[in-house]
């Protein structure tokens, strides 16, 4: 049975796991609030977008979809394609660790790239708990919604001429990928993803995201179902990041 002290310890652990990612979410939230105001929305629309949609890059795209008058069907298809990767996230995200039905419902709603990367980077010797998972997801959402509200209220405090803010999302994904790689230092995984992306960029550029994720997921299923194939594809060379031999 989980004690209150264990729950508090897991909450503190979730905060430690999340705060670095928050450094990337904060400028993104500020930028989103600024984009909303510059697009002509009232400041209070920013938290509405961030709470109802809560999908990062899709929120930025939603601003364009609304302001250009895109129909609901086209918007729904676009949203599905942009967030198609969440189907695969949901297959392995530890939502089941939360015993409360309300907690599981929130965990489903609050599944993002950042929360998935943080939870999946935990080593097998230190597994997640329901309290830690929910702490990570709540903090990720707060670090997105509150800066967005601040950016909207500040309005023109951040000039539109400021460059580099749009790269924050890419930089954040780079950091998350690096942290995930540190947890499983198998070079064959990023190399496989790179090869699939390069191939589909030539064969199906319009469906790169969806087709790429599907193909990579099939590779992972094959490696899981066939341990011999997994061992043959595994590539661990040199020293690990702690100085030991792989």
Foldseek 3Di string as FASTA:
>chain_A
DDDPVNLVVLLVVLCVLAVVLLVLQLLLLLVLLQLCVVLPHALVVLLVLCVPVVARVLSVVVSVCVSVVPDPVVNVVVVCLVCVLVVVLVVPPVLVLDPDPVLSVVLSVQDYPRLSLSQLLDAPVDHHHSSSSSSNSVVSSCSNNVSNSVSNVVHPPPPPPDPDSVCSVVVSVVVSVVSSCLNPVFPLLVVVLVVLLVVCCVVPVVNSRVVSSVVSVVVVVVCVVDVVVVVVSTDDDDAHPVGHGD
